[in-house]
Amino acid sequence: MLAFFISPHGYGHAARACAVMEALLQRRPQTRFRIFTTVPPAFFAASLPAGTFTYHRLKSDVGLVQKSPLEEDVPATRRALARLYPPSPARLDALAKSLRGCEAVLCDISPLGIAAAHRAGLPAILVENFTWDWIYRHYGNPSPLTDYAQILEPIFGQAEVHIQTRPLCAPHPAADATLPPIARRPQKSRRETRLALGVPAEAPLLLLSLGERLPAAPVRELLRRYPRLHVLLPGGERLPPAPRLYTPPRERCYHPNLVAAADFILAKAGYSTVAEAYRAGLPFAYLSRPKFPESRVLAEFIEAHLGGFAIPAEDWAAHTWPRL
């Protein structure tokens, strides 16, 4: 039995954690997991075989509070951190009890999981391409989050095993391993997914994966400007129907299947989407998040390895894209 504490900041940490659990189940099919997070259990049920995990709803991390998918709320982040850190002895004792029967605790990238593992006398395994102390120090000098960076840095340093994954923000000299991008595998072939969606087998297909509901105007403009292009927009079922537009409900979509079915992707630059596109070899146009510290690293990786380029958020909103 292994515990997994997973940050609920977006779904990227959960996606990477699922890929790690998939790999462990391949090696040790008898492995079982206790998952601690507020990411909905349906996300894990879509990725992992039934009966391989139990779900424990827990505010396992803060990360950054978001105003929107492209903008962080630093004051709200500070207030949320104050409610969680430093964790009280009573809270750690309760978490340690919930870890009875576990052999180790994996963390992506919840420092609370590392602290709970130490309270329970269990080894902690950290999987990361950045840690929150590194992120928090980038918000000004001094940053309003510096005191929490100082609290979390030594907790991250307590992990017995430290695994870093590319695209990597801050290489650590004491890391035990540095791995290529970690992504979930598709469950269906390109042909099967296209057939289920109704996309012609040879049609050029753009996947829009922005993590938010889109207005009709930019999608309509895409279809007008590129008359051969087919557009796949998960979660876009409220948009008016249009030829060459596919809008499956998001909850019915397994994202790696969509990536495998597409020829290009336009997305917010986030770890899991970048890793899945890298696995599939997809050209990647990305909306930049210039304030988020990880963005520069992801952008450099996309442009170096995926033939990608940035679309500034204001250009996307104004439909003045330089190229696609």
Protein backbone atom coordinates (compact mmCIF):
# COMPACT_ATOMS: atom_id res chain seq x y z
CA MET A 1 0.00 0.00 0.00
CA LEU A 2 1.32 3.40 -1.01
CA ALA A 3 -0.13 6.80 -0.13
CA PHE A 4 -0.15 9.62 -2.68
CA PHE A 5 -0.61 13.26 -1.62
CA ILE A 6 -1.50 15.27 -4.73
CA SER A 7 -1.67 19.02 -5.17
CA PRO A 8 -5.10 20.20 -6.38
CA HIS A 9 -3.58 23.21 -8.19
CA GLY A 10 -5.12 22.43 -11.58
CA TYR A 11 -5.16 18.85 -12.83
CA GLY A 12 -1.54 18.67 -13.95
CA HIS A 13 -0.19 17.21 -10.71
CA ALA A 14 -3.01 14.66 -10.63
CA ALA A 15 -2.33 13.68 -14.25
CA ARG A 16 1.37 13.15 -13.54
CA ALA A 17 0.53 11.22 -10.36
CA CYS A 18 -1.78 8.96 -12.36
CA ALA A 19 1.02 8.28 -14.84
CA VAL A 20 3.31 7.34 -11.95
CA MET A 21 0.66 5.03 -10.49
CA GLU A 22 0.07 3.45 -13.93
CA ALA A 23 3.79 2.67 -14.18
CA LEU A 24 3.91 1.22 -10.66
CA LEU A 25 0.90 -0.99 -11.40
CA GLN A 26 2.65 -2.29 -14.52
CA ARG A 27 5.60 -3.36 -12.39
CA ARG A 28 3.63 -4.45 -9.33
CA PRO A 29 -0.01 -5.18 -10.27
CA GLN A 30 -0.84 -5.93 -6.64
CA THR A 31 0.01 -2.36 -5.53
CA ARG A 32 -2.82 -0.35 -4.00
CA PHE A 33 -2.95 3.40 -3.37
CA ARG A 34 -4.52 5.78 -0.89
CA ILE A 35 -5.02 9.09 -2.66
CA PHE A 36 -5.19 12.30 -0.61
CA THR A 37 -6.39 15.39 -2.50
CA THR A 38 -9.42 17.47 -3.44
CA VAL A 39 -9.09 16.66 -7.15
CA PRO A 40 -12.42 14.90 -7.93
CA PRO A 41 -12.28 11.10 -7.61
CA ALA A 42 -13.70 10.73 -11.13
CA PHE A 43 -10.38 12.01 -12.50
CA PHE A 44 -8.55 9.05 -10.97
CA ALA A 45 -11.30 6.58 -11.87
CA ALA A 46 -10.83 7.56 -15.53
CA SER A 47 -7.10 6.81 -15.38
CA LEU A 48 -6.64 3.88 -12.98
CA PRO A 49 -8.14 0.37 -12.91
CA ALA A 50 -11.11 -0.09 -10.59
CA GLY A 51 -10.18 -1.33 -7.14
CA THR A 52 -6.59 -0.07 -7.23
CA PHE A 53 -7.11 3.02 -5.05
CA THR A 54 -9.15 4.52 -2.25
CA TYR A 55 -9.93 8.22 -2.25
CA HIS A 56 -9.53 10.45 0.81
CA ARG A 57 -10.78 13.99 0.33
CA LEU A 58 -8.15 16.26 1.88
CA LYS A 59 -6.95 19.80 1.32
CA SER A 60 -3.45 18.51 0.70
CA ASP A 61 -1.92 21.66 -0.76
CA VAL A 62 -2.56 25.29 -1.70
CA GLY A 63 -0.26 26.05 -4.59
CA LEU A 64 -1.62 29.27 -6.06
CA VAL A 65 -5.17 30.54 -5.86
CA GLN A 66 -6.32 31.50 -9.37
CA LYS A 67 -8.40 34.49 -10.47
CA SER A 68 -8.68 32.82 -13.87
CA PRO A 69 -6.83 30.03 -15.71
CA LEU A 70 -4.19 32.61 -16.72
CA GLU A 71 -3.97 34.83 -13.62
CA GLU A 72 -2.96 34.14 -10.01
CA ASP A 73 -4.33 35.82 -6.86
CA VAL A 74 -1.35 36.32 -4.53
CA PRO A 75 -3.24 37.86 -1.55
CA ALA A 76 -5.79 35.01 -1.62
CA THR A 77 -2.92 32.52 -1.86
CA ARG A 78 -1.35 33.97 1.27
CA ARG A 79 -4.65 33.71 3.17
CA ALA A 80 -5.08 30.08 2.09
CA LEU A 81 -1.51 29.22 3.10
CA ALA A 82 -2.11 30.71 6.55
CA ARG A 83 -4.91 28.18 7.08
CA LEU A 84 -2.67 25.21 6.26
CA TYR A 85 0.90 26.03 7.31
CA PRO A 86 2.63 25.34 9.49
CA PRO A 87 0.57 22.18 10.14
CA SER A 88 -0.31 21.65 13.80
CA PRO A 89 0.96 18.60 15.71
CA ALA A 90 -2.64 17.42 16.11
CA ARG A 91 -3.20 17.60 12.35
CA LEU A 92 -0.02 15.65 11.63
CA ASP A 93 -0.97 13.03 14.23
CA ALA A 94 -4.34 12.55 12.54
CA LEU A 95 -2.71 12.23 9.12
CA ALA A 96 -0.15 9.77 10.48
CA LYS A 97 -3.01 7.54 11.68
CA SER A 98 -4.52 7.59 8.20
CA LEU A 99 -1.21 6.29 6.83
CA ARG A 100 -1.16 3.11 8.92
CA GLY A 101 -0.50 0.12 6.70
CA CYS A 102 1.31 2.16 4.04
CA GLU A 103 4.88 1.40 2.99
CA ALA A 104 5.74 4.90 1.74
CA VAL A 105 4.22 8.26 0.82
CA LEU A 106 4.52 9.79 -2.65
CA CYS A 107 3.99 13.53 -3.04
CA ASP A 108 3.27 15.61 -6.15
CA ILE A 109 4.00 18.21 -4.90
CA SER A 110 2.26 18.42 -1.52
CA PRO A 111 4.66 19.33 1.31
CA LEU A 112 1.93 18.31 3.75
CA GLY A 113 2.38 14.73 2.55
CA ILE A 114 6.10 14.85 3.33
CA ALA A 115 5.41 16.21 6.82
CA ALA A 116 2.76 13.53 7.41
CA ALA A 117 5.13 10.79 6.23
CA HIS A 118 7.76 11.88 8.71
CA ARG A 119 5.21 12.00 11.50
CA ALA A 120 4.25 8.41 10.63
CA GLY A 121 7.87 7.25 10.34
CA LEU A 122 7.50 6.48 6.62
CA PRO A 123 9.78 7.35 3.70
CA ALA A 124 8.58 10.24 1.53
CA ILE A 125 9.08 10.29 -2.26
CA LEU A 126 8.86 13.71 -3.92
CA VAL A 127 8.01 13.94 -7.66
CA GLU A 128 8.34 17.46 -9.10
CA ASN A 129 9.39 19.76 -11.88
CA PHE A 130 9.18 22.67 -9.40
CA THR A 131 8.48 23.10 -5.71
CA TRP A 132 6.29 25.80 -4.20
CA ASP A 133 9.12 27.54 -2.37
CA TRP A 134 10.76 28.15 -5.78
CA ILE A 135 7.46 29.48 -7.19
CA TYR A 136 6.69 31.73 -4.22
CA ARG A 137 10.06 33.51 -4.33
CA HIS A 138 9.31 34.82 -7.83
CA TYR A 139 6.43 37.07 -6.76
CA GLY A 140 8.36 40.25 -5.99
CA ASN A 141 11.47 41.06 -3.97
CA PRO A 142 10.69 40.56 -1.23
CA SER A 143 7.74 38.39 -2.20
CA PRO A 144 4.59 38.50 -0.06
CA LEU A 145 4.91 34.70 -0.07
CA THR A 146 8.56 34.57 1.06
CA ASP A 147 7.76 33.53 4.62
CA TYR A 148 5.83 30.51 3.31
CA ALA A 149 8.70 29.67 0.96
CA GLN A 150 10.91 29.58 4.06
CA ILE A 151 8.46 27.25 5.82
CA LEU A 152 8.10 24.86 2.88
CA GLU A 153 11.69 24.65 1.62
CA PRO A 154 12.98 22.54 4.54
CA ILE A 155 9.91 20.29 4.35
CA PHE A 156 10.61 19.54 0.69
CA GLY A 157 14.21 18.86 1.68
CA GLN A 158 13.11 16.07 4.03
CA ALA A 159 12.04 13.72 1.21
CA GLU A 160 14.06 10.51 1.29
CA VAL A 161 13.73 10.09 -2.49
CA HIS A 162 13.68 13.13 -4.79
CA ILE A 163 12.62 12.63 -8.43
CA GLN A 164 12.70 15.56 -10.85
CA THR A 165 10.92 15.57 -14.21
CA ARG A 166 11.47 17.62 -17.34
CA PRO A 167 10.64 20.40 -18.23
CA LEU A 168 12.54 21.20 -15.07
CA CYS A 169 12.44 24.60 -13.39
CA ALA A 170 15.20 24.29 -10.79
CA PRO A 171 17.67 21.38 -11.11
CA HIS A 172 18.59 20.07 -7.68
CA PRO A 173 22.11 18.67 -7.22
CA ALA A 174 20.91 16.12 -4.66
CA ALA A 175 18.02 14.77 -6.76
CA ASP A 176 18.04 10.98 -7.03
CA ALA A 177 16.78 10.93 -10.64
CA THR A 178 15.85 13.31 -13.45
CA LEU A 179 13.28 11.85 -15.84
CA PRO A 180 11.77 12.83 -19.22
CA PRO A 181 8.26 14.32 -19.22
CA ILE A 182 5.80 12.02 -17.43
CA ALA A 183 2.41 11.61 -19.10
CA ARG A 184 -0.56 9.27 -18.99
CA ARG A 185 -0.90 6.84 -21.89
CA PRO A 186 -3.84 6.94 -24.33
CA GLN A 187 -6.44 4.25 -23.73
CA LYS A 188 -7.68 4.24 -27.34
CA SER A 189 -6.00 4.50 -30.71
CA ARG A 190 -6.14 7.61 -32.87
CA ARG A 191 -8.55 5.82 -35.22
CA GLU A 192 -10.89 4.69 -32.41
CA THR A 193 -11.11 8.17 -30.89
CA ARG A 194 -11.73 9.88 -34.24
CA LEU A 195 -14.40 7.33 -35.08
CA ALA A 196 -16.15 7.92 -31.75
CA LEU A 197 -16.05 11.70 -32.27
CA GLY A 198 -17.12 11.57 -35.92
CA VAL A 199 -13.89 13.15 -37.18
CA PRO A 200 -12.82 12.02 -40.69
CA ALA A 201 -9.72 9.86 -40.54
CA GLU A 202 -7.51 12.18 -42.62
CA ALA A 203 -8.91 15.56 -41.53
CA PRO A 204 -6.42 18.02 -39.98
CA LEU A 205 -7.61 18.28 -36.36
CA LEU A 206 -6.78 21.04 -33.88
CA LEU A 207 -7.34 20.30 -30.18
CA LEU A 208 -8.27 23.39 -28.13
CA SER A 209 -7.41 22.65 -24.50
CA LEU A 210 -7.62 25.85 -22.47
CA GLY A 211 -9.27 24.73 -19.24
CA GLU A 212 -12.13 27.22 -19.51
CA ARG A 213 -15.32 27.82 -21.44
CA LEU A 214 -14.69 29.67 -24.67
CA PRO A 215 -17.00 32.22 -26.28
CA ALA A 216 -18.16 31.44 -29.78
CA ALA A 217 -16.25 34.27 -31.50
CA PRO A 218 -12.66 32.93 -31.45
CA VAL A 219 -13.80 29.43 -32.40
CA ARG A 220 -15.91 30.78 -35.24
CA GLU A 221 -12.93 32.84 -36.43
CA LEU A 222 -10.67 29.78 -36.41
CA LEU A 223 -13.11 27.85 -38.58
CA ARG A 224 -13.55 30.81 -40.95
CA ARG A 225 -9.85 31.51 -41.33
CA TYR A 226 -8.84 27.88 -41.89
CA PRO A 227 -11.56 26.28 -44.05
CA ARG A 228 -9.96 22.79 -44.05
CA LEU A 229 -9.36 22.70 -40.31
CA HIS A 230 -11.45 20.60 -37.93
CA VAL A 231 -11.58 21.80 -34.30
CA LEU A 232 -11.97 19.62 -31.20
CA LEU A 233 -13.11 21.56 -28.13
CA PRO A 234 -13.84 19.40 -25.06
CA GLY A 235 -16.42 21.07 -22.85
CA GLY A 236 -17.68 23.29 -25.67
CA GLU A 237 -21.11 21.69 -26.00
CA ARG A 238 -22.85 25.02 -25.23
CA LEU A 239 -21.46 26.62 -28.37
CA PRO A 240 -23.70 26.83 -31.44
CA PRO A 241 -23.20 23.76 -33.66
CA ALA A 242 -20.95 24.32 -36.65
CA PRO A 243 -19.46 22.18 -39.42
CA ARG A 244 -16.00 20.84 -38.50
CA LEU A 245 -16.52 21.62 -34.79
CA TYR A 246 -16.58 18.76 -32.23
CA THR A 247 -17.61 19.56 -28.66
CA PRO A 248 -17.75 16.43 -26.48
CA PRO A 249 -18.65 17.01 -22.80
CA ARG A 250 -15.46 17.38 -20.81
CA GLU A 251 -16.45 14.75 -18.24
CA ARG A 252 -16.63 12.13 -21.01
CA CYS A 253 -13.17 12.93 -22.34
CA TYR A 254 -9.92 11.21 -21.45
CA HIS A 255 -7.45 13.91 -22.44
CA PRO A 256 -4.58 11.66 -23.63
CA ASN A 257 -7.00 10.06 -26.13
CA LEU A 258 -7.84 13.50 -27.54
CA VAL A 259 -4.16 14.40 -27.81
CA ALA A 260 -3.46 11.14 -29.66
CA ALA A 261 -6.32 11.87 -32.09
CA ALA A 262 -5.20 15.43 -32.90
CA ASP A 263 -2.64 16.81 -35.35
CA PHE A 264 -2.02 20.10 -33.53
CA ILE A 265 -2.81 21.50 -30.10
CA LEU A 266 -3.59 25.02 -28.89
CA ALA A 267 -3.53 25.09 -25.11
CA LYS A 268 -2.58 26.84 -21.94
CA ALA A 269 1.02 25.86 -21.27
CA GLY A 270 0.71 23.50 -18.31
CA TYR A 271 2.87 20.54 -17.38
CA SER A 272 0.49 17.67 -18.14
CA THR A 273 -0.63 19.07 -21.51
CA VAL A 274 2.98 19.70 -22.52
CA ALA A 275 3.98 16.19 -21.42
CA GLU A 276 1.09 14.58 -23.32
CA ALA A 277 1.87 16.60 -26.46
CA TYR A 278 5.55 15.62 -26.16
CA ARG A 279 4.58 11.96 -25.91
CA ALA A 280 2.41 12.29 -29.04
CA GLY A 281 4.84 14.55 -30.94
CA LEU A 282 2.23 17.26 -31.52
CA PRO A 283 3.03 20.81 -32.68
CA PHE A 284 1.97 23.11 -29.86
CA ALA A 285 0.66 26.69 -29.96
CA TYR A 286 0.34 27.99 -26.42
CA LEU A 287 -1.27 30.84 -24.55
CA SER A 288 1.43 32.41 -22.42
CA ARG A 289 1.07 33.08 -18.69
CA PRO A 290 3.91 35.58 -18.26
CA LYS A 291 3.39 36.06 -14.51
CA PHE A 292 3.59 32.36 -13.62
CA PRO A 293 7.23 31.41 -12.91
CA GLU A 294 7.00 27.98 -14.56
CA SER A 295 5.81 29.51 -17.85
CA ARG A 296 9.26 30.48 -19.15
CA VAL A 297 10.57 26.94 -18.65
CA LEU A 298 7.55 25.36 -20.34
CA ALA A 299 7.72 27.85 -23.22
CA GLU A 300 11.40 27.11 -23.84
CA PHE A 301 10.67 23.37 -23.85
CA ILE A 302 7.71 23.75 -26.22
CA GLU A 303 9.70 25.85 -28.67
CA ALA A 304 12.75 23.57 -28.50
CA HIS A 305 11.02 20.18 -28.68
CA LEU A 306 7.50 20.68 -30.07
CA GLY A 307 7.99 23.28 -32.80
CA GLY A 308 5.73 25.53 -30.77
CA PHE A 309 5.10 29.25 -30.47
CA ALA A 310 3.27 31.63 -28.15
CA ILE A 311 -0.04 33.37 -28.71
CA PRO A 312 -0.24 36.30 -26.27
CA ALA A 313 -3.50 36.25 -24.31
CA GLU A 314 -4.46 39.69 -25.63
CA ASP A 315 -3.98 38.51 -29.23
CA TRP A 316 -6.15 35.47 -28.58
CA ALA A 317 -8.89 37.67 -27.13
CA ALA A 318 -8.67 40.06 -30.11
CA HIS A 319 -8.46 37.22 -32.69
CA THR A 320 -5.20 38.69 -34.06
CA TRP A 321 -3.09 35.54 -34.02
CA PRO A 322 0.17 35.95 -35.94
CA ARG A 323 0.03 32.40 -37.33
CA LEU A 324 -1.39 28.96 -36.72
